[in-house]
C-alpha cells in the first residue's frame, strides 16, 4: 500500500489518533498542525489523499484545500470537522474542493473506510 496521506488538524490528540490508525493500515502519514506546515509537506512529498479539519488556528481548512488542489489538482480530500453541515450544502458549495465530508467525531473505521474508498477511485 504505502500511499501517502496528509492529515491536518490543530488538535494534537486528533492528529495522533488518526496518524497511528493510518500507519497501522500501512499508509505513510504526514501530520500537520498548521496550513503552512501542510503546504510545505505537500510540496516536498505530494500526498495521495488529504484529510483536513475546517477550523484551523491560523487559517481555515477550505482555503488550505484550495491551495492543495492548486498544487495537486486531482487530490482527493476529506473534510473532517466538528462544524455540522448538511451533506447537500457541502456538495453544492464546496464540492469542487471536498471529495468527502465526515462530521467530527466520526468512528475511526468510518474514516479509514472513506479514505480507502477515495484512494481506489
N, C-alpha and C. Protein backbone atom coordinates (compact mmCIF):
# COMPACT_ATOMS: atom_id res chain seq x y z
N UNK A 1 0.86 -1.18 0.00
CA UNK A 1 0.00 0.00 0.00
C UNK A 1 0.90 1.23 0.00
N UNK A 2 1.39 1.67 1.11
CA UNK A 2 2.36 2.75 1.27
C UNK A 2 1.98 4.06 0.59
N UNK A 3 0.69 4.31 0.40
CA UNK A 3 0.26 5.59 -0.14
C UNK A 3 0.40 6.66 0.94
N UNK A 4 0.64 7.87 0.48
CA UNK A 4 0.92 8.98 1.40
C UNK A 4 -0.36 9.76 1.70
N UNK A 5 -0.64 9.93 2.99
CA UNK A 5 -1.81 10.68 3.44
C UNK A 5 -1.34 11.88 4.26
N UNK A 6 -1.87 13.03 3.94
CA UNK A 6 -1.62 14.25 4.69
C UNK A 6 -2.82 14.51 5.59
N UNK A 7 -2.56 14.62 6.90
CA UNK A 7 -3.63 14.88 7.87
C UNK A 7 -3.34 16.23 8.53
N UNK A 8 -4.34 17.11 8.50
CA UNK A 8 -4.17 18.46 9.04
C UNK A 8 -5.25 18.73 10.07
N UNK A 9 -4.82 18.98 11.30
CA UNK A 9 -5.75 19.29 12.39
C UNK A 9 -4.96 20.03 13.46
N UNK A 10 -5.56 21.06 14.05
CA UNK A 10 -4.84 21.81 15.08
C UNK A 10 -4.98 21.19 16.46
N UNK A 11 -5.61 20.03 16.55
CA UNK A 11 -5.71 19.30 17.82
C UNK A 11 -4.73 18.13 17.79
N UNK A 12 -3.64 18.20 18.55
CA UNK A 12 -2.63 17.14 18.53
C UNK A 12 -3.20 15.75 18.84
N UNK A 13 -4.23 15.69 19.69
CA UNK A 13 -4.81 14.38 20.02
C UNK A 13 -5.43 13.75 18.78
N UNK A 14 -6.14 14.53 18.00
CA UNK A 14 -6.77 14.03 16.78
C UNK A 14 -5.70 13.58 15.80
N UNK A 15 -4.67 14.40 15.63
CA UNK A 15 -3.58 14.03 14.73
C UNK A 15 -2.94 12.71 15.15
N UNK A 16 -2.72 12.56 16.45
CA UNK A 16 -2.08 11.35 16.95
C UNK A 16 -2.90 10.11 16.69
N UNK A 17 -4.19 10.17 16.97
CA UNK A 17 -5.07 9.01 16.77
C UNK A 17 -5.16 8.66 15.29
N UNK A 18 -5.42 9.65 14.45
CA UNK A 18 -5.55 9.38 13.01
C UNK A 18 -4.23 8.89 12.41
N UNK A 19 -3.13 9.52 12.78
CA UNK A 19 -1.83 9.11 12.25
C UNK A 19 -1.53 7.66 12.61
N UNK A 20 -1.74 7.31 13.87
CA UNK A 20 -1.47 5.94 14.32
C UNK A 20 -2.37 4.94 13.58
N UNK A 21 -3.63 5.27 13.41
CA UNK A 21 -4.56 4.36 12.73
C UNK A 21 -4.17 4.13 11.27
N UNK A 22 -3.83 5.20 10.57
CA UNK A 22 -3.44 5.05 9.17
C UNK A 22 -2.10 4.34 9.02
N UNK A 23 -1.17 4.63 9.89
CA UNK A 23 0.13 3.93 9.83
C UNK A 23 -0.06 2.43 10.09
N UNK A 24 -0.95 2.10 11.03
CA UNK A 24 -1.23 0.69 11.33
C UNK A 24 -1.81 -0.03 10.12
N UNK A 25 -2.46 0.71 9.22
CA UNK A 25 -3.02 0.13 7.99
C UNK A 25 -2.02 0.14 6.84
N UNK A 26 -0.80 0.62 7.09
CA UNK A 26 0.24 0.58 6.07
C UNK A 26 0.43 1.83 5.26
N UNK A 27 -0.24 2.90 5.62
CA UNK A 27 -0.07 4.16 4.90
C UNK A 27 1.12 4.94 5.44
N UNK A 28 1.72 5.75 4.57
CA UNK A 28 2.69 6.75 5.03
C UNK A 28 1.88 7.97 5.41
N UNK A 29 2.20 8.59 6.53
CA UNK A 29 1.40 9.70 7.03
C UNK A 29 2.30 10.90 7.32
N UNK A 30 1.82 12.06 6.89
CA UNK A 30 2.39 13.32 7.33
C UNK A 30 1.30 14.04 8.11
N UNK A 31 1.62 14.42 9.33
CA UNK A 31 0.67 15.14 10.19
C UNK A 31 1.12 16.59 10.28
N UNK A 32 0.18 17.50 10.12
CA UNK A 32 0.48 18.93 10.19
C UNK A 32 -0.54 19.62 11.08
N UNK A 33 -0.04 20.54 11.91
CA UNK A 33 -0.90 21.30 12.81
C UNK A 33 -1.36 22.61 12.17
N UNK A 34 -0.59 23.11 11.22
CA UNK A 34 -0.92 24.38 10.57
C UNK A 34 -1.00 24.22 9.06
N UNK A 35 -1.65 25.18 8.42
CA UNK A 35 -1.75 25.18 6.97
C UNK A 35 -0.37 25.34 6.33
N UNK A 36 0.47 26.15 6.92
CA UNK A 36 1.82 26.35 6.38
C UNK A 36 2.60 25.04 6.38
N UNK A 37 2.55 24.32 7.50
CA UNK A 37 3.21 23.01 7.58
C UNK A 37 2.65 22.07 6.51
N UNK A 38 1.34 22.07 6.35
CA UNK A 38 0.69 21.18 5.39
C UNK A 38 1.13 21.49 3.96
N UNK A 39 1.17 22.76 3.60
CA UNK A 39 1.59 23.13 2.25
C UNK A 39 3.04 22.76 1.98
N UNK A 40 3.90 23.01 2.95
CA UNK A 40 5.30 22.63 2.79
C UNK A 40 5.44 21.13 2.61
N UNK A 41 4.71 20.38 3.41
CA UNK A 41 4.77 18.92 3.32
C UNK A 41 4.26 18.44 1.96
N UNK A 42 3.18 19.02 1.48
CA UNK A 42 2.62 18.61 0.19
C UNK A 42 3.55 18.95 -0.97
N UNK A 43 4.27 20.05 -0.86
CA UNK A 43 5.23 20.41 -1.90
C UNK A 43 6.42 19.46 -1.90
N UNK A 44 6.86 19.07 -0.71
CA UNK A 44 8.03 18.18 -0.59
C UNK A 44 7.70 16.74 -0.95
N UNK A 45 6.49 16.29 -0.62
CA UNK A 45 6.09 14.90 -0.83
C UNK A 45 4.58 14.90 -1.08
N UNK A 46 4.17 15.04 -2.34
CA UNK A 46 2.73 15.15 -2.64
C UNK A 46 1.94 13.95 -2.10
N UNK A 47 0.86 14.23 -1.38
CA UNK A 47 0.05 13.15 -0.84
C UNK A 47 -0.91 12.58 -1.89
N UNK A 48 -1.38 11.37 -1.61
CA UNK A 48 -2.41 10.74 -2.44
C UNK A 48 -3.80 11.11 -1.92
N UNK A 49 -3.87 11.61 -0.68
CA UNK A 49 -5.12 11.98 -0.03
C UNK A 49 -4.83 13.00 1.05
N UNK A 50 -5.72 13.97 1.21
CA UNK A 50 -5.60 14.94 2.31
C UNK A 50 -6.86 14.86 3.17
N UNK A 51 -6.65 14.83 4.47
CA UNK A 51 -7.73 14.87 5.45
C UNK A 51 -7.53 16.16 6.24
N UNK A 52 -8.53 17.01 6.26
CA UNK A 52 -8.33 18.34 6.83
C UNK A 52 -9.51 18.76 7.70
N UNK A 53 -9.20 19.36 8.82
CA UNK A 53 -10.20 19.99 9.67
C UNK A 53 -10.59 21.32 9.03
N UNK A 54 -11.80 21.76 9.28
CA UNK A 54 -12.25 23.04 8.73
C UNK A 54 -11.67 24.21 9.49
N UNK A 55 -11.70 24.13 10.81
CA UNK A 55 -11.26 25.25 11.63
C UNK A 55 -9.83 25.00 12.12
N UNK A 56 -8.91 25.75 11.54
CA UNK A 56 -7.50 25.69 11.95
C UNK A 56 -7.17 26.99 12.66
N UNK A 57 -6.22 26.96 13.55
CA UNK A 57 -5.96 28.13 14.39
C UNK A 57 -5.55 29.37 13.60
N UNK A 58 -4.76 29.22 12.54
CA UNK A 58 -4.31 30.41 11.83
C UNK A 58 -4.85 30.50 10.41
N UNK A 59 -5.72 29.60 10.04
CA UNK A 59 -6.27 29.58 8.69
C UNK A 59 -7.60 28.84 8.73
N UNK A 60 -8.14 28.58 7.56
CA UNK A 60 -9.31 27.71 7.54
C UNK A 60 -9.06 26.59 6.54
N UNK A 61 -9.70 25.47 6.80
CA UNK A 61 -9.46 24.28 6.01
C UNK A 61 -9.85 24.44 4.56
N UNK A 62 -10.87 25.21 4.25
CA UNK A 62 -11.28 25.39 2.86
C UNK A 62 -10.21 26.12 2.06
N UNK A 63 -9.62 27.13 2.64
CA UNK A 63 -8.53 27.84 1.96
C UNK A 63 -7.36 26.88 1.72
N UNK A 64 -7.05 26.09 2.75
CA UNK A 64 -5.96 25.13 2.61
C UNK A 64 -6.28 24.10 1.52
N UNK A 65 -7.49 23.57 1.51
CA UNK A 65 -7.85 22.59 0.48
C UNK A 65 -7.75 23.20 -0.92
N UNK A 66 -8.13 24.45 -1.07
CA UNK A 66 -7.99 25.13 -2.36
C UNK A 66 -6.52 25.23 -2.76
N UNK A 67 -5.66 25.54 -1.81
CA UNK A 67 -4.23 25.64 -2.10
C UNK A 67 -3.65 24.26 -2.45
N UNK A 68 -4.08 23.24 -1.73
CA UNK A 68 -3.60 21.88 -2.02
C UNK A 68 -4.06 21.44 -3.41
N UNK A 69 -5.31 21.76 -3.75
CA UNK A 69 -5.82 21.40 -5.08
C UNK A 69 -5.09 22.19 -6.17
N UNK A 70 -4.59 23.39 -5.83
CA UNK A 70 -3.78 24.14 -6.78
C UNK A 70 -2.47 23.43 -7.07
N UNK A 71 -1.92 22.78 -6.05
CA UNK A 71 -0.68 22.01 -6.22
C UNK A 71 -0.93 20.66 -6.88
N UNK A 72 -2.02 20.00 -6.47
CA UNK A 72 -2.33 18.64 -6.92
C UNK A 72 -3.80 18.64 -7.33
N UNK A 73 -4.10 18.97 -8.57
CA UNK A 73 -5.49 19.17 -8.99
C UNK A 73 -6.45 18.00 -8.73
N UNK A 74 -6.01 16.79 -8.85
CA UNK A 74 -6.90 15.63 -8.68
C UNK A 74 -6.86 15.05 -7.26
N UNK A 75 -6.30 15.77 -6.31
CA UNK A 75 -6.15 15.28 -4.94
C UNK A 75 -7.50 15.02 -4.29
N UNK A 76 -7.78 13.77 -3.88
CA UNK A 76 -9.00 13.53 -3.11
C UNK A 76 -8.84 14.11 -1.70
N UNK A 77 -9.94 14.66 -1.19
CA UNK A 77 -9.89 15.33 0.11
C UNK A 77 -11.06 14.92 0.99
N UNK A 78 -10.77 14.82 2.27
CA UNK A 78 -11.82 14.58 3.26
C UNK A 78 -11.84 15.78 4.19
N UNK A 79 -12.99 16.40 4.32
CA UNK A 79 -13.19 17.46 5.30
C UNK A 79 -13.74 16.80 6.55
N UNK A 80 -12.97 16.85 7.62
CA UNK A 80 -13.34 16.24 8.90
C UNK A 80 -13.48 17.38 9.89
N UNK A 81 -14.73 17.67 10.30
CA UNK A 81 -14.93 18.86 11.12
C UNK A 81 -16.07 18.71 12.11
N UNK A 82 -15.95 19.44 13.20
CA UNK A 82 -17.00 19.48 14.20
C UNK A 82 -18.13 20.43 13.83
N UNK A 83 -17.93 21.21 12.78
CA UNK A 83 -18.98 22.11 12.30
C UNK A 83 -19.94 21.25 11.48
N UNK A 84 -21.19 21.21 11.90
CA UNK A 84 -22.16 20.34 11.24
C UNK A 84 -22.72 21.00 9.98
N UNK A 85 -22.68 20.26 8.91
CA UNK A 85 -23.20 20.72 7.63
C UNK A 85 -24.18 19.69 7.11
N UNK A 86 -25.10 20.14 6.31
CA UNK A 86 -25.94 19.24 5.54
C UNK A 86 -25.07 18.76 4.37
N UNK A 87 -24.99 17.46 4.12
CA UNK A 87 -24.15 16.97 3.01
C UNK A 87 -24.47 17.61 1.67
N UNK A 88 -25.74 17.98 1.42
CA UNK A 88 -26.08 18.64 0.17
C UNK A 88 -25.49 20.05 0.09
N UNK A 89 -25.36 20.72 1.24
CA UNK A 89 -24.73 22.04 1.27
C UNK A 89 -23.25 21.90 0.91
N UNK A 90 -22.62 20.87 1.46
CA UNK A 90 -21.21 20.62 1.12
C UNK A 90 -21.07 20.41 -0.38
N UNK A 91 -21.91 19.55 -0.94
CA UNK A 91 -21.83 19.24 -2.37
C UNK A 91 -22.03 20.50 -3.21
N UNK A 92 -23.01 21.31 -2.86
CA UNK A 92 -23.33 22.50 -3.65
C UNK A 92 -22.29 23.59 -3.52
N UNK A 93 -21.80 23.83 -2.31
CA UNK A 93 -20.92 24.99 -2.11
C UNK A 93 -19.44 24.64 -2.07
N UNK A 94 -19.11 23.40 -1.71
CA UNK A 94 -17.69 23.05 -1.56
C UNK A 94 -17.31 21.83 -2.38
N UNK A 95 -18.20 21.37 -3.22
CA UNK A 95 -17.99 20.14 -3.97
C UNK A 95 -16.73 20.12 -4.81
N UNK A 96 -16.28 21.26 -5.29
CA UNK A 96 -15.07 21.28 -6.12
C UNK A 96 -13.80 21.07 -5.29
N UNK A 97 -13.89 21.29 -3.99
CA UNK A 97 -12.72 21.13 -3.12
C UNK A 97 -12.78 19.91 -2.22
N UNK A 98 -13.99 19.48 -1.89
CA UNK A 98 -14.17 18.42 -0.90
C UNK A 98 -14.70 17.17 -1.58
N UNK A 99 -13.94 16.09 -1.49
CA UNK A 99 -14.39 14.82 -2.06
C UNK A 99 -15.37 14.13 -1.13
N UNK A 100 -15.15 14.33 0.18
CA UNK A 100 -15.99 13.68 1.18
C UNK A 100 -16.02 14.53 2.44
N UNK A 101 -17.17 14.52 3.09
CA UNK A 101 -17.34 15.25 4.35
C UNK A 101 -17.71 14.27 5.44
N UNK A 102 -16.98 14.31 6.56
CA UNK A 102 -17.30 13.48 7.72
C UNK A 102 -17.36 14.38 8.95
N UNK A 103 -18.42 14.25 9.73
CA UNK A 103 -18.50 15.05 10.95
C UNK A 103 -17.51 14.55 11.99
N UNK A 104 -17.05 15.46 12.81
CA UNK A 104 -16.17 15.12 13.93
C UNK A 104 -17.01 15.21 15.18
N UNK A 105 -17.10 14.17 15.97
CA UNK A 105 -16.36 12.91 15.82
C UNK A 105 -17.07 11.96 14.87
N UNK A 106 -16.27 11.16 14.18
CA UNK A 106 -16.75 10.03 13.38
C UNK A 106 -16.00 8.81 13.86
N UNK A 107 -16.62 7.66 13.70
CA UNK A 107 -15.93 6.43 14.08
C UNK A 107 -14.67 6.28 13.25
N UNK A 108 -13.61 5.82 13.89
CA UNK A 108 -12.33 5.66 13.22
C UNK A 108 -12.45 4.75 12.00
N UNK A 109 -13.19 3.67 12.12
CA UNK A 109 -13.37 2.77 10.98
C UNK A 109 -14.04 3.46 9.81
N UNK A 110 -14.95 4.37 10.09
CA UNK A 110 -15.62 5.11 9.01
C UNK A 110 -14.62 5.99 8.26
N UNK A 111 -13.73 6.63 9.00
CA UNK A 111 -12.72 7.49 8.38
C UNK A 111 -11.77 6.64 7.54
N UNK A 112 -11.32 5.51 8.09
CA UNK A 112 -10.42 4.62 7.36
C UNK A 112 -11.10 4.07 6.09
N UNK A 113 -12.35 3.68 6.20
CA UNK A 113 -13.09 3.15 5.06
C UNK A 113 -13.26 4.21 3.97
N UNK A 114 -13.58 5.43 4.38
CA UNK A 114 -13.78 6.52 3.41
C UNK A 114 -12.47 6.85 2.70
N UNK A 115 -11.38 6.86 3.44
CA UNK A 115 -10.07 7.10 2.83
C UNK A 115 -9.75 6.00 1.82
N UNK A 116 -9.99 4.76 2.19
CA UNK A 116 -9.75 3.65 1.26
C UNK A 116 -10.59 3.77 0.00
N UNK A 117 -11.85 4.15 0.16
CA UNK A 117 -12.74 4.32 -0.99
C UNK A 117 -12.22 5.40 -1.94
N UNK A 118 -11.80 6.53 -1.38
CA UNK A 118 -11.30 7.63 -2.21
C UNK A 118 -10.00 7.28 -2.90
N UNK A 119 -9.15 6.55 -2.23
CA UNK A 119 -7.88 6.18 -2.83
C UNK A 119 -8.05 5.17 -3.97
N UNK A 120 -9.10 4.39 -3.93
CA UNK A 120 -9.36 3.41 -5.00
C UNK A 120 -10.04 4.02 -6.20
N UNK A 121 -10.71 5.16 -6.01
CA UNK A 121 -11.46 5.74 -7.15
C UNK A 121 -10.60 6.62 -8.02
